[in-house]
Amino acid sequence: MGKRRRVAERPRTRQPAVIGGVIAVVVAGGAFGAYSLYGGGAGDDTSAGGAHTTVKTGPLSATEIHTASTAFLTAWQKGDVAGAAAATDDSASATTVLTGYDKDAHITGVTLTGGKPSGTDVPFTVKATVRYKGTSKPLTYSSKLTVVRRAKDGAALVGWKPSVVHPDLQDGDRLVTGASGTPPVTALDRDGGELTTAKYPSLGTVLDGLREKFGKTAGGKAGIELRVVRKAAKKGAQKTPDKTLVTLSEGTPGKVTTTLDPALQAEAERRVAAKEKASVVLLRPSTGEILAVANTSHGFNTAFQGSLAPGSTMKVITASLLFDKGLASADKPHPCPKTATYGGWKFHNDDDFEIKDGTFKASFARSCNTAFITQAKKLENDDLTKQAQQVFGLSMNNWAVGVPSFDGSVPVQSAAQMAASLMGQGGVRMNPLNMASIAATVKSGTFHQPYLVSPDVDHRALAKASRTLSASTLSQLREVMQYTAAAGTAAEAMSGLGPDYGAKTGSAEVDNQKQPNGWFTAWKGDLAGAGVVQQGGHGGDTAGPIVAALLKAGR
């Protein structure tokens, strides 16, 4: 259903609670007689608020961690907002959130159970009751705090961030209990079946987004909920949907029909579940309808909102630019040296391979970086940006998918960064929805903005591209992608899907990652898809099989 996701709930108990080895009895107002973290510990000569003649430095001791965390958690349990806030390194911000926990969220009877510290992190669980106008429900969740040393005096304090109070809280968010601002919705697939997280686990953020966008117009009635109310979005940005934590009384849901195909959505869920961090999108090139979207991680919709360097899959757009400008032709000779230098940077091919006397088609199929870098000196700094915007409808922040999405970013860059952007690095950022749209535009010949809910439902305008590729460029672009699927780096994944197909692989280097992110974008008939496996390695081996499986399953 289109209800926001809930945290786990447990029945409330009025029995004395054993917490970390110390018996704590709930008294009026949710205060506790005692509190102790797992493992216990005596006082220390350095307390959260202690004064010192010298500033203490160096790593925190176990006793300091215990003392600082105990000061905060004990005060919070007692409802002592001032005391709890004073035990943090940002008392003003802590006061705002902790005050709202009682006054706005109406959370009472708080019981905190400490876990075993890990370094400076102290995990704990919260058991409480949400009460509103004669209705109550139990609330249970886990969180953690981190103890830090304040620079000015060396005091050990809780490092403040809203997620200490609840893991779903971010800066500027609020916990609120009351009539939900937006009625719930029941989301339906294209065949009329109900979409739920029980059946499709990664759709949680999508269902939240559908409620946020269509709840007030879908005919439903709001219920009473404890929810995370997200901060207002910056100008031009999309607001993150609110999230329901506890439903005290059910509302009446309206209905919203999506374009999702139930069989393809199930297959997408199954495929990404087999990877540690994967995302995939499948859509219909002739219309832009989104048929499936799935993420291994259920807390953030990377497939729609991710902002990642797309690596060599970006060469689809760059190749169209080179064809347009007469800087490359599919079947004509094109340089692919081992290295190429531009803007002071030396760019390499994978394992420093080279293709002697080869065509551009051969360089594209093998993903030769230098075939693109060697052309940088013949391009203007804004050429790639204009190509992405004018032909592929990207990087203009105007897509209206039906739920929050990121429309890609291809900023104007110069020197080495401009050259790097030609191969999907530098400042270029995409997600699987963007890359699936790129493949779809090549297949259909025209940009059709992807959408999850028909624009007829709310009469919203879809984004448009200002021009299409010339017949010559489009023909060559399809040719090099088809060749890549048949005999290039995508051949293994795309085996058996031809002849009406095309693909491009990519591997994007990311700082502090041992393995690059693996990318894959492809089309088959009137289907186009793209995926990424973060820290997966080569896209043909990781994301490729996921996308290819959906193309095979498509109808």
Protein backbone atom coordinates (compact mmCIF):
# COMPACT_ATOMS: atom_id res chain seq x y z
CA MET A 1 0.00 0.00 0.00
CA GLY A 2 1.01 3.61 -0.35
CA LYS A 3 1.46 4.09 3.37
CA ARG A 4 4.75 5.31 4.64
CA ARG A 5 7.02 2.69 6.16
CA ARG A 6 6.78 1.92 9.84
CA VAL A 7 9.39 1.13 12.41
CA ALA A 8 9.00 -2.07 14.41
CA GLU A 9 6.53 -1.89 17.26
CA ARG A 10 6.46 -3.89 20.48
CA PRO A 11 3.81 -4.14 23.20
CA ARG A 12 4.26 -1.71 26.05
CA THR A 13 5.17 -3.08 29.46
CA ARG A 14 4.71 -1.53 32.85
CA GLN A 15 7.03 -4.00 34.59
CA PRO A 16 10.37 -2.90 36.03
CA ALA A 17 13.00 -2.87 33.28
CA VAL A 18 16.47 -4.38 33.61
CA ILE A 19 18.80 -2.10 31.69
CA GLY A 20 22.45 -2.91 31.28
CA GLY A 21 22.41 -4.80 34.59
CA VAL A 22 20.68 -2.03 36.60
CA ILE A 23 16.99 -2.20 37.51
CA ALA A 24 15.18 0.97 36.38
CA VAL A 25 11.56 1.58 37.35
CA VAL A 26 9.33 3.79 35.21
CA VAL A 27 7.80 6.62 37.19
CA ALA A 28 5.42 9.42 36.32
CA GLY A 29 6.31 11.33 33.16
CA GLY A 30 8.63 8.63 31.90
CA ALA A 31 11.50 9.34 34.33
CA PHE A 32 13.78 6.57 35.55
CA GLY A 33 15.36 5.85 38.86
CA ALA A 34 18.64 4.60 37.39
CA TYR A 35 20.48 4.09 34.14
CA SER A 36 23.63 2.19 33.26
CA LEU A 37 25.24 1.33 29.97
CA TYR A 38 26.29 -2.19 29.15
CA GLY A 39 29.50 -2.93 31.01
CA GLY A 40 29.01 -0.25 33.67
CA GLY A 41 31.79 1.94 34.95
CA ALA A 42 32.63 4.29 37.78
CA GLY A 43 32.95 8.04 37.62
CA ASP A 44 35.91 9.67 35.95
CA ASP A 45 37.98 12.71 36.60
CA THR A 46 36.75 13.99 33.21
CA SER A 47 32.97 14.47 33.11
CA ALA A 48 30.81 15.88 30.33
CA GLY A 49 30.66 19.24 32.02
CA GLY A 50 33.79 19.16 34.20
CA ALA A 51 36.21 22.09 34.30
CA HIS A 52 39.95 21.64 33.86
CA THR A 53 42.96 23.78 34.29
CA THR A 54 44.48 22.14 31.21
CA VAL A 55 42.80 21.04 28.00
CA LYS A 56 42.75 17.27 27.73
CA THR A 57 43.60 15.82 24.32
CA GLY A 58 44.07 12.41 22.79
CA PRO A 59 41.75 9.44 22.42
CA LEU A 60 38.75 9.13 24.70
CA SER A 61 38.96 6.58 27.47
CA ALA A 62 36.26 3.97 28.04
CA THR A 63 35.32 5.75 31.25
CA GLU A 64 34.94 9.09 29.47
CA ILE A 65 32.71 7.47 26.86
CA HIS A 66 30.62 5.83 29.58
CA THR A 67 30.30 9.00 31.66
CA ALA A 68 29.40 11.30 28.75
CA SER A 69 26.84 8.93 27.23
CA THR A 70 25.28 8.16 30.61
CA ALA A 71 24.88 11.87 31.39
CA PHE A 72 23.01 12.43 28.14
CA LEU A 73 20.81 9.34 28.22
CA THR A 74 19.90 9.65 31.89
CA ALA A 75 18.83 13.27 31.45
CA TRP A 76 16.83 12.41 28.33
CA GLN A 77 14.99 9.62 30.18
CA LYS A 78 14.07 11.98 32.99
CA GLY A 79 12.67 14.52 30.56
CA ASP A 80 15.45 16.92 31.54
CA VAL A 81 15.90 18.62 28.17
CA ALA A 82 18.35 21.21 29.48
CA GLY A 83 20.50 18.55 31.11
CA ALA A 84 20.54 16.30 28.07
CA ALA A 85 21.32 19.19 25.73
CA ALA A 86 24.17 20.34 28.00
CA ALA A 87 25.73 16.90 27.64
CA THR A 88 26.15 17.47 23.88
CA ASP A 89 28.48 19.65 21.85
CA ASP A 90 25.55 21.64 20.38
CA SER A 91 23.13 22.40 23.18
CA ALA A 92 20.96 24.80 21.15
CA SER A 93 20.22 22.31 18.36
CA ALA A 94 19.77 19.47 20.84
CA THR A 95 17.29 21.53 22.86
CA THR A 96 15.12 22.12 19.78
CA VAL A 97 14.91 18.44 18.83
CA LEU A 98 14.50 17.10 22.37
CA THR A 99 11.78 19.63 23.13
CA GLY A 100 9.91 18.59 19.99
CA TYR A 101 10.21 14.93 21.00
CA ASP A 102 7.78 15.62 23.84
CA LYS A 103 5.77 18.65 22.71
CA ASP A 104 5.31 17.88 18.98
CA ALA A 105 5.76 14.12 18.77
CA HIS A 106 3.88 13.40 22.03
CA ILE A 107 6.28 10.59 22.96
CA THR A 108 6.15 9.54 26.63
CA GLY A 109 7.31 6.74 28.92
CA VAL A 110 10.79 6.61 27.42
CA THR A 111 12.93 3.60 28.34
CA LEU A 112 16.53 3.49 27.09
CA THR A 113 18.55 0.28 26.94
CA GLY A 114 22.24 0.64 26.29
CA GLY A 115 24.24 -1.72 24.15
CA LYS A 116 27.93 -2.54 24.14
CA PRO A 117 30.06 0.44 23.01
CA SER A 118 32.13 0.09 19.86
CA GLY A 119 34.95 2.59 20.03
CA THR A 120 33.32 5.96 20.66
CA ASP A 121 29.91 4.78 19.40
CA VAL A 122 27.29 3.75 21.93
CA PRO A 123 24.21 1.94 20.58
CA PHE A 124 20.94 2.00 22.46
CA THR A 125 17.30 1.05 22.01
CA VAL A 126 14.28 3.21 22.75
CA LYS A 127 10.95 1.93 24.03
CA ALA A 128 8.24 4.53 24.46
CA THR A 129 4.57 5.30 23.89
CA VAL A 130 3.06 7.75 21.43
CA ARG A 131 -0.07 9.37 22.92
CA TYR A 132 -2.43 11.70 21.09
CA LYS A 133 -6.00 12.68 22.02
CA GLY A 134 -6.86 9.49 23.84
CA THR A 135 -5.10 7.16 21.39
CA SER A 136 -1.75 5.50 22.04
CA LYS A 137 0.64 3.11 20.32
CA PRO A 138 4.00 1.63 21.37
CA LEU A 139 7.18 2.83 19.71
CA THR A 140 10.42 0.85 19.59
CA TYR A 141 13.59 1.60 17.63
CA SER A 142 17.38 1.50 17.80
CA SER A 143 19.80 4.39 17.57
CA LYS A 144 23.33 5.28 18.56
CA LEU A 145 25.38 8.21 19.79
CA THR A 146 29.04 9.08 19.38
CA VAL A 147 31.14 10.64 22.11
CA VAL A 148 33.58 13.32 21.00
CA ARG A 149 36.17 15.53 22.67
CA ARG A 150 35.36 19.23 22.54
CA ALA A 151 38.37 21.11 21.23
CA LYS A 152 38.16 24.21 23.43
CA ASP A 153 38.27 22.43 26.78
CA GLY A 154 38.80 18.71 26.07
CA ALA A 155 35.44 17.76 27.59
CA ALA A 156 33.94 14.44 26.53
CA LEU A 157 30.46 15.13 25.13
CA VAL A 158 27.88 13.52 22.89
CA GLY A 159 28.47 14.65 19.32
CA TRP A 160 25.12 16.14 18.42
CA LYS A 161 23.13 15.22 15.34
CA PRO A 162 19.36 14.70 15.08
CA SER A 163 19.78 11.01 14.24
CA VAL A 164 20.82 10.41 17.86
CA VAL A 165 17.18 10.97 18.85
CA HIS A 166 15.82 8.98 15.90
CA PRO A 167 17.86 7.43 13.07
CA ASP A 168 15.49 8.84 10.40
CA LEU A 169 15.97 12.44 11.53
CA GLN A 170 18.22 14.70 9.49
CA ASP A 171 19.10 18.36 10.02
CA GLY A 172 15.95 20.45 9.84
CA ASP A 173 13.53 17.50 10.15
CA ARG A 174 10.88 17.27 12.92
CA LEU A 175 9.01 14.48 14.67
CA VAL A 176 5.29 15.30 14.70
CA THR A 177 2.21 13.40 15.86
CA GLY A 178 -1.20 14.48 14.58
CA ALA A 179 -3.43 14.34 11.56
CA SER A 180 -1.14 13.41 8.70
CA GLY A 181 -0.74 16.30 6.32
CA THR A 182 -1.19 13.98 3.38
CA PRO A 183 -3.77 11.17 3.18
CA PRO A 184 -2.45 7.68 2.44
CA VAL A 185 -2.61 6.17 -1.02
CA THR A 186 -2.90 2.66 -2.37
CA ALA A 187 -0.44 2.40 -5.24
CA LEU A 188 -1.33 0.07 -8.09
CA ASP A 189 0.76 -1.49 -10.83
CA ARG A 190 -0.21 -1.10 -14.48
CA ASP A 191 -2.43 -4.20 -14.22
CA GLY A 192 -4.31 -2.97 -11.14
CA GLY A 193 -2.46 -5.03 -8.54
CA GLU A 194 -1.52 -3.40 -5.23
CA LEU A 195 2.11 -2.40 -4.73
CA THR A 196 3.38 -3.08 -1.22
CA THR A 197 6.79 -3.29 0.40
CA ALA A 198 5.92 -6.81 1.54
CA LYS A 199 5.83 -7.89 -2.08
CA TYR A 200 8.34 -5.41 -3.50
CA PRO A 201 10.76 -4.51 -0.66
CA SER A 202 12.65 -1.74 -2.43
CA LEU A 203 9.56 0.32 -3.30
CA GLY A 204 9.31 1.95 0.14
CA THR A 205 10.76 5.29 -0.94
CA VAL A 206 8.71 5.20 -4.14
CA LEU A 207 5.48 4.65 -2.19
CA ASP A 208 6.43 7.50 0.15
CA GLY A 209 6.95 9.73 -2.86
CA LEU A 210 3.63 8.76 -4.42
CA ARG A 211 1.82 9.65 -1.21
CA GLU A 212 3.62 12.97 -0.98
CA LYS A 213 2.77 13.89 -4.57
CA PHE A 214 -0.74 12.48 -5.01
CA GLY A 215 -2.15 11.92 -1.51
CA LYS A 216 -4.14 15.15 -1.39
CA THR A 217 -5.75 14.61 -4.80
CA ALA A 218 -6.29 10.84 -4.86
CA GLY A 219 -9.51 10.91 -2.83
CA GLY A 220 -8.22 9.64 0.52
CA LYS A 221 -8.66 10.84 4.11
CA ALA A 222 -5.78 11.53 6.48
CA GLY A 223 -5.17 9.40 9.58
CA ILE A 224 -3.34 10.13 12.88
CA GLU A 225 0.38 9.36 12.67
CA LEU A 226 3.77 9.91 14.20
CA ARG A 227 5.87 10.96 11.25
CA VAL A 228 9.16 12.53 10.26
CA VAL A 229 8.31 15.88 8.67
CA ARG A 230 11.17 16.71 6.33
CA LYS A 231 12.69 20.15 6.09
CA ALA A 232 11.62 22.39 3.24
CA ALA A 233 13.62 21.88 0.06
CA LYS A 234 15.92 24.53 -1.32
CA LYS A 235 14.66 26.53 -4.26
CA GLY A 236 14.59 24.35 -7.37
CA ALA A 237 15.10 21.11 -5.40
CA GLN A 238 12.55 18.41 -4.64
CA LYS A 239 11.46 17.90 -1.02
CA THR A 240 12.22 14.51 0.47
CA PRO A 241 8.92 12.78 1.29
CA ASP A 242 7.79 12.66 4.91
CA LYS A 243 7.97 9.25 6.58
CA THR A 244 5.42 7.58 8.84
CA LEU A 245 6.84 5.86 11.94
CA VAL A 246 3.64 4.88 13.80
CA THR A 247 0.00 4.95 12.71
CA LEU A 248 -2.33 5.65 15.64
CA SER A 249 -5.50 5.62 13.55
CA GLU A 250 -5.84 4.59 9.93
CA GLY A 251 -6.81 7.04 7.25
CA THR A 252 -8.76 6.14 4.12
CA PRO A 253 -6.37 5.71 1.19
CA GLY A 254 -6.90 7.06 -2.29
CA LYS A 255 -5.68 5.14 -5.33
CA VAL A 256 -2.81 5.94 -7.69
CA THR A 257 -2.03 3.81 -10.75
CA THR A 258 1.61 3.56 -11.80
CA THR A 259 3.33 2.32 -14.94
CA LEU A 260 5.17 -0.49 -13.12
CA ASP A 261 4.93 -3.97 -14.61
CA PRO A 262 4.43 -6.52 -11.79
CA ALA A 263 6.46 -9.32 -13.41
CA LEU A 264 9.36 -7.03 -14.31
CA GLN A 265 9.29 -5.37 -10.88
CA ALA A 266 9.49 -8.78 -9.21
CA GLU A 267 12.43 -9.73 -11.43
CA ALA A 268 14.19 -6.44 -10.68
CA GLU A 269 13.77 -7.00 -6.94
CA ARG A 270 15.17 -10.50 -7.22
CA ARG A 271 18.19 -9.40 -9.25
CA VAL A 272 19.31 -6.51 -7.05
CA ALA A 273 18.81 -8.57 -3.89
CA ALA A 274 21.66 -10.79 -5.04
CA LYS A 275 24.11 -7.85 -4.92
CA GLU A 276 25.38 -5.87 -1.97
CA LYS A 277 24.57 -2.44 -3.43
CA ALA A 278 22.81 -2.46 -6.78
CA SER A 279 20.15 -0.34 -8.50
CA VAL A 280 18.29 -0.83 -11.78
CA VAL A 281 15.61 0.83 -13.92
CA LEU A 282 13.71 -0.48 -16.94
CA LEU A 283 11.53 1.71 -19.15
CA ARG A 284 9.77 1.82 -22.51
CA PRO A 285 11.65 4.00 -25.05
CA SER A 286 8.59 4.81 -27.18
CA THR A 287 6.71 6.40 -24.27
CA GLY A 288 9.03 6.92 -21.28
CA GLU A 289 6.92 4.66 -19.04
CA ILE A 290 8.95 3.24 -16.15
CA LEU A 291 8.35 -0.51 -15.95
CA ALA A 292 10.59 -1.44 -13.02
CA VAL A 293 12.81 0.19 -10.41
CA ALA A 294 14.71 -1.57 -7.63
CA ASN A 295 17.53 -0.95 -5.16
CA THR A 296 19.36 -3.30 -2.83
CA SER A 297 19.32 -0.58 -0.19
CA HIS A 298 15.77 0.32 0.81
CA GLY A 299 16.45 3.59 2.61
CA PHE A 300 17.35 5.71 -0.43
CA ASN A 301 16.19 5.47 -4.02
CA THR A 302 19.57 5.48 -5.75
CA ALA A 303 17.92 4.37 -9.00
CA PHE A 304 16.01 7.69 -9.23
CA GLN A 305 17.85 10.06 -6.90
CA GLY A 306 21.44 8.85 -6.95
CA SER A 307 24.18 11.22 -8.06
CA LEU A 308 27.13 9.12 -9.21
CA ALA A 309 29.81 9.40 -11.86
CA PRO A 310 28.55 7.16 -14.71
CA GLY A 311 31.95 6.26 -16.13
CA SER A 312 32.14 5.09 -19.72
CA THR A 313 28.37 4.79 -20.16
CA MET A 314 28.58 8.58 -20.62
CA LYS A 315 30.45 7.91 -23.85
CA VAL A 316 27.07 7.37 -25.51
CA ILE A 317 26.41 11.11 -25.26
CA THR A 318 30.03 11.99 -26.05
CA ALA A 319 30.00 9.78 -29.14
CA SER A 320 26.85 11.52 -30.38
CA LEU A 321 28.65 14.84 -29.92
CA LEU A 322 31.70 13.68 -31.89
CA PHE A 323 29.48 12.36 -34.68
CA ASP A 324 27.56 15.64 -34.80
CA LYS A 325 30.77 17.65 -35.09
CA GLY A 326 32.41 15.37 -37.64
CA LEU A 327 35.18 14.44 -35.19
CA ALA A 328 34.47 10.72 -35.48
CA SER A 329 32.76 8.29 -37.84
CA ALA A 330 31.74 4.80 -36.83
CA ASP A 331 33.65 2.91 -39.53
CA LYS A 332 36.53 5.30 -40.14
CA PRO A 333 39.99 5.13 -38.52
CA HIS A 334 40.24 6.78 -35.11
CA PRO A 335 43.17 7.06 -32.68
CA CYS A 336 43.24 4.92 -29.54
CA PRO A 337 46.74 5.35 -28.03
CA LYS A 338 47.77 3.93 -24.67
CA THR A 339 47.62 7.37 -23.04
CA ALA A 340 46.54 10.88 -23.90
CA THR A 341 47.27 14.16 -22.10
CA TYR A 342 44.96 17.15 -21.79
CA GLY A 343 44.84 20.01 -19.31
CA GLY A 344 47.90 18.71 -17.51
CA TRP A 345 46.39 15.29 -16.81
CA LYS A 346 47.56 12.05 -18.36
CA PHE A 347 44.63 9.75 -19.14
CA HIS A 348 45.06 5.98 -19.49
CA ASN A 349 43.14 3.11 -20.99
CA ASP A 350 42.43 0.05 -18.89
CA ASP A 351 45.79 -1.74 -18.58
CA ASP A 352 47.16 0.83 -21.04
CA PHE A 353 45.84 -1.04 -24.06
CA GLU A 354 45.92 0.55 -27.50
CA ILE A 355 44.17 -0.13 -30.79
CA LYS A 356 46.38 0.40 -33.79
CA ASP A 357 44.73 1.32 -37.09
CA GLY A 358 41.29 0.74 -35.57
CA THR A 359 37.94 2.37 -36.23
CA PHE A 360 35.94 4.51 -33.83
CA LYS A 361 33.46 1.65 -33.58
CA ALA A 362 36.22 -0.62 -32.32
CA SER A 363 37.32 2.00 -29.78
CA PHE A 364 33.75 2.49 -28.53
CA ALA A 365 33.14 -1.24 -28.22
CA ARG A 366 36.30 -1.76 -26.20
CA SER A 367 35.72 1.44 -24.20
CA CYS A 368 38.91 3.21 -25.23
CA ASN A 369 39.25 6.33 -23.09
CA THR A 370 41.90 8.00 -25.19
CA ALA A 371 39.72 7.84 -28.30
CA PHE A 372 37.64 10.52 -26.58
CA ILE A 373 40.36 12.43 -24.73
CA THR A 374 42.27 13.05 -27.96
CA GLN A 375 39.29 15.03 -29.25
CA ALA A 376 38.99 17.32 -26.20
CA LYS A 377 41.12 20.07 -27.76
CA LYS A 378 38.61 20.37 -30.62
CA LEU A 379 35.64 20.92 -28.31
CA GLU A 380 34.27 23.96 -26.50
CA ASN A 381 33.89 23.74 -22.74
CA ASP A 382 30.08 23.76 -22.94
CA ASP A 383 29.64 21.36 -25.87
CA LEU A 384 28.97 18.27 -23.77
CA THR A 385 26.57 20.16 -21.49
CA LYS A 386 24.56 21.42 -24.46
CA GLN A 387 24.43 17.95 -26.02
CA ALA A 388 23.14 16.42 -22.79
CA GLN A 389 20.49 19.11 -22.38
CA GLN A 390 19.34 19.71 -25.93
CA VAL A 391 19.25 16.11 -27.20
CA PHE A 392 18.94 13.90 -24.11
CA GLY A 393 16.85 16.18 -21.87
CA LEU A 394 19.31 15.95 -18.97
CA SER A 395 20.83 18.38 -16.49
CA MET A 396 18.00 20.95 -16.52
CA ASN A 397 16.29 20.01 -13.24
CA ASN A 398 12.84 19.84 -14.83
CA TRP A 399 11.80 16.17 -14.94
CA ALA A 400 8.35 15.41 -13.51
CA VAL A 401 8.50 11.66 -12.92
CA GLY A 402 5.76 11.55 -10.28
CA VAL A 403 8.14 10.93 -7.37
CA PRO A 404 11.40 12.70 -6.42
CA SER A 405 14.18 12.20 -8.95
CA PHE A 406 17.54 13.65 -9.95
CA ASP A 407 17.77 14.58 -13.61
CA GLY A 408 21.52 14.21 -14.00
CA SER A 409 24.20 16.88 -13.99
CA VAL A 410 26.62 17.71 -16.79
CA PRO A 411 28.23 20.97 -15.69
CA VAL A 412 30.35 23.18 -17.92
CA GLN A 413 33.98 22.42 -17.08
CA SER A 414 37.38 23.31 -18.45
CA ALA A 415 40.83 21.86 -18.96
CA ALA A 416 41.38 18.38 -17.50
CA GLN A 417 37.95 18.24 -15.85
CA MET A 418 36.28 18.88 -19.21
CA ALA A 419 38.27 16.03 -20.73
CA ALA A 420 37.39 13.73 -17.82
CA SER A 421 33.70 14.51 -18.28
CA LEU A 422 33.85 13.10 -21.82
CA MET A 423 34.35 9.67 -20.25
CA GLY A 424 31.85 10.11 -17.43
CA GLN A 425 34.16 11.33 -14.70
CA GLY A 426 34.94 14.90 -13.62
CA GLY A 427 31.76 16.60 -12.46
CA VAL A 428 29.29 14.46 -14.43
CA ARG A 429 26.68 12.78 -12.20
CA MET A 430 23.93 10.33 -13.17
CA ASN A 431 21.74 7.53 -11.85
CA PRO A 432 20.21 4.44 -13.50
CA LEU A 433 17.04 6.35 -14.45
CA ASN A 434 19.12 8.91 -16.36
CA MET A 435 21.23 6.25 -18.07
CA ALA A 436 18.20 4.16 -19.02
CA SER A 437 16.72 7.31 -20.57
CA ILE A 438 19.88 7.84 -22.60
CA ALA A 439 19.66 4.33 -24.08
CA ALA A 440 15.94 4.87 -24.68
CA THR A 441 16.61 8.12 -26.56
CA VAL A 442 19.07 6.34 -28.84
CA LYS A 443 16.59 3.55 -29.49
CA SER A 444 13.55 5.77 -30.11
CA GLY A 445 15.41 8.65 -31.75
CA THR A 446 13.58 11.14 -29.51
CA PHE A 447 13.81 11.98 -25.82
CA HIS A 448 10.71 10.89 -23.90
CA GLN A 449 10.93 11.98 -20.28
CA PRO A 450 10.57 8.92 -18.04
CA TYR A 451 7.50 8.84 -15.80
CA LEU A 452 6.04 6.57 -13.12
CA VAL A 453 2.54 8.04 -13.09
CA SER A 454 0.84 9.20 -16.27
CA PRO A 455 0.85 12.99 -16.66
CA ASP A 456 -2.87 12.70 -17.44
CA VAL A 457 -3.49 12.05 -13.73
CA ASP A 458 -2.46 15.53 -12.60
CA HIS A 459 -1.92 17.34 -15.92
CA ARG A 460 1.73 18.02 -15.19
CA ALA A 461 4.03 18.94 -18.06
CA LEU A 462 6.83 16.55 -18.94
CA ALA A 463 10.29 17.78 -19.85
CA LYS A 464 11.18 18.13 -23.52
CA ALA A 465 14.42 18.14 -25.49
CA SER A 466 14.92 21.04 -27.88
CA ARG A 467 16.29 18.96 -30.76
CA THR A 468 16.87 15.45 -32.03
CA LEU A 469 19.99 13.86 -33.48
CA SER A 470 20.55 13.99 -37.21
CA ALA A 471 19.74 10.82 -39.13
CA SER A 472 23.47 10.21 -39.71
CA THR A 473 24.44 10.63 -36.06
CA LEU A 474 21.56 8.49 -34.84
CA SER A 475 22.40 5.71 -37.28
CA GLN A 476 26.06 5.67 -36.26
CA LEU A 477 25.23 5.81 -32.55
CA ARG A 478 22.94 2.80 -32.86
CA GLU A 479 25.61 1.03 -34.90
CA VAL A 480 28.38 1.43 -32.31
CA MET A 481 26.09 0.41 -29.45
CA GLN A 482 24.87 -2.62 -31.39
CA TYR A 483 28.47 -3.60 -32.11
CA THR A 484 29.33 -3.23 -28.41
CA ALA A 485 26.46 -5.57 -27.54
CA ALA A 486 27.50 -8.09 -30.18
CA ALA A 487 31.29 -8.07 -29.98
CA GLY A 488 32.44 -5.54 -27.38
CA THR A 489 32.55 -5.26 -23.61
CA ALA A 490 28.79 -5.89 -23.34
CA ALA A 491 28.75 -9.05 -25.48
CA GLU A 492 28.68 -11.60 -22.68
CA ALA A 493 25.81 -9.96 -20.82
CA MET A 494 23.79 -9.32 -24.00
CA SER A 495 24.30 -12.77 -25.51
CA GLY A 496 21.14 -14.08 -27.17
CA LEU A 497 19.29 -10.74 -27.13
CA GLY A 498 20.08 -9.53 -30.67
CA PRO A 499 19.88 -8.36 -33.30
CA ASP A 500 17.71 -5.34 -32.34
CA TYR A 501 19.82 -4.30 -29.39
CA GLY A 502 22.61 -2.03 -28.20
CA ALA A 503 24.62 -1.49 -25.04
CA LYS A 504 27.46 0.33 -23.31
CA THR A 505 29.44 -0.67 -20.24
CA GLY A 506 31.16 1.57 -17.73
CA SER A 507 33.40 1.55 -14.68
CA ALA A 508 33.58 4.73 -12.62
CA GLU A 509 36.47 5.36 -10.26
CA VAL A 510 35.45 6.74 -6.85
CA ASP A 511 37.83 8.13 -4.24
CA ASN A 512 38.50 5.78 -1.32
CA GLN A 513 36.88 2.79 -3.04
CA LYS A 514 38.90 -0.32 -3.76
CA GLN A 515 36.67 -1.25 -6.70
CA PRO A 516 35.01 1.11 -9.19
CA ASN A 517 31.25 1.35 -9.61
CA GLY A 518 30.09 -0.91 -12.42
CA TRP A 519 27.57 0.59 -14.91
CA PHE A 520 25.56 -0.82 -17.79
CA THR A 521 22.99 0.70 -20.14
CA ALA A 522 21.24 -1.10 -22.99
CA TRP A 523 18.15 -1.49 -25.12
CA LYS A 524 16.35 -4.40 -26.73
CA GLY A 525 13.30 -3.75 -28.91
CA ASP A 526 11.01 -1.31 -27.09
CA LEU A 527 12.77 -1.78 -23.75
CA ALA A 528 15.70 0.16 -22.31
CA GLY A 529 17.40 -0.27 -18.99
CA ALA A 530 20.39 0.74 -16.91
CA GLY A 531 21.95 -0.33 -13.66
CA VAL A 532 24.84 0.29 -11.33
CA VAL A 533 26.57 -1.96 -8.81
CA GLN A 534 28.52 0.22 -6.42
CA GLN A 535 32.05 -1.05 -5.77
CA GLY A 536 31.23 -3.87 -8.17
CA GLY A 537 34.06 -3.57 -10.68
CA HIS A 538 33.53 -3.83 -14.43
CA GLY A 539 29.98 -2.99 -15.49
CA GLY A 540 29.74 -5.79 -18.02
CA ASP A 541 30.29 -8.37 -15.29
CA THR A 542 28.21 -6.81 -12.51
CA ALA A 543 25.42 -4.48 -13.65
CA GLY A 544 25.24 -6.07 -17.10
CA PRO A 545 23.61 -9.36 -16.08
CA ILE A 546 20.98 -7.47 -14.05
CA VAL A 547 19.94 -5.23 -16.93
CA ALA A 548 20.12 -8.06 -19.47
CA ALA A 549 17.88 -10.27 -17.31
CA LEU A 550 15.18 -7.58 -17.32
CA LEU A 551 15.47 -7.12 -21.07
CA LYS A 552 15.03 -10.86 -21.52
CA ALA A 553 12.03 -10.91 -19.19
CA GLY A 554 10.39 -7.94 -20.90
CA ARG A 555 7.28 -8.21 -22.95
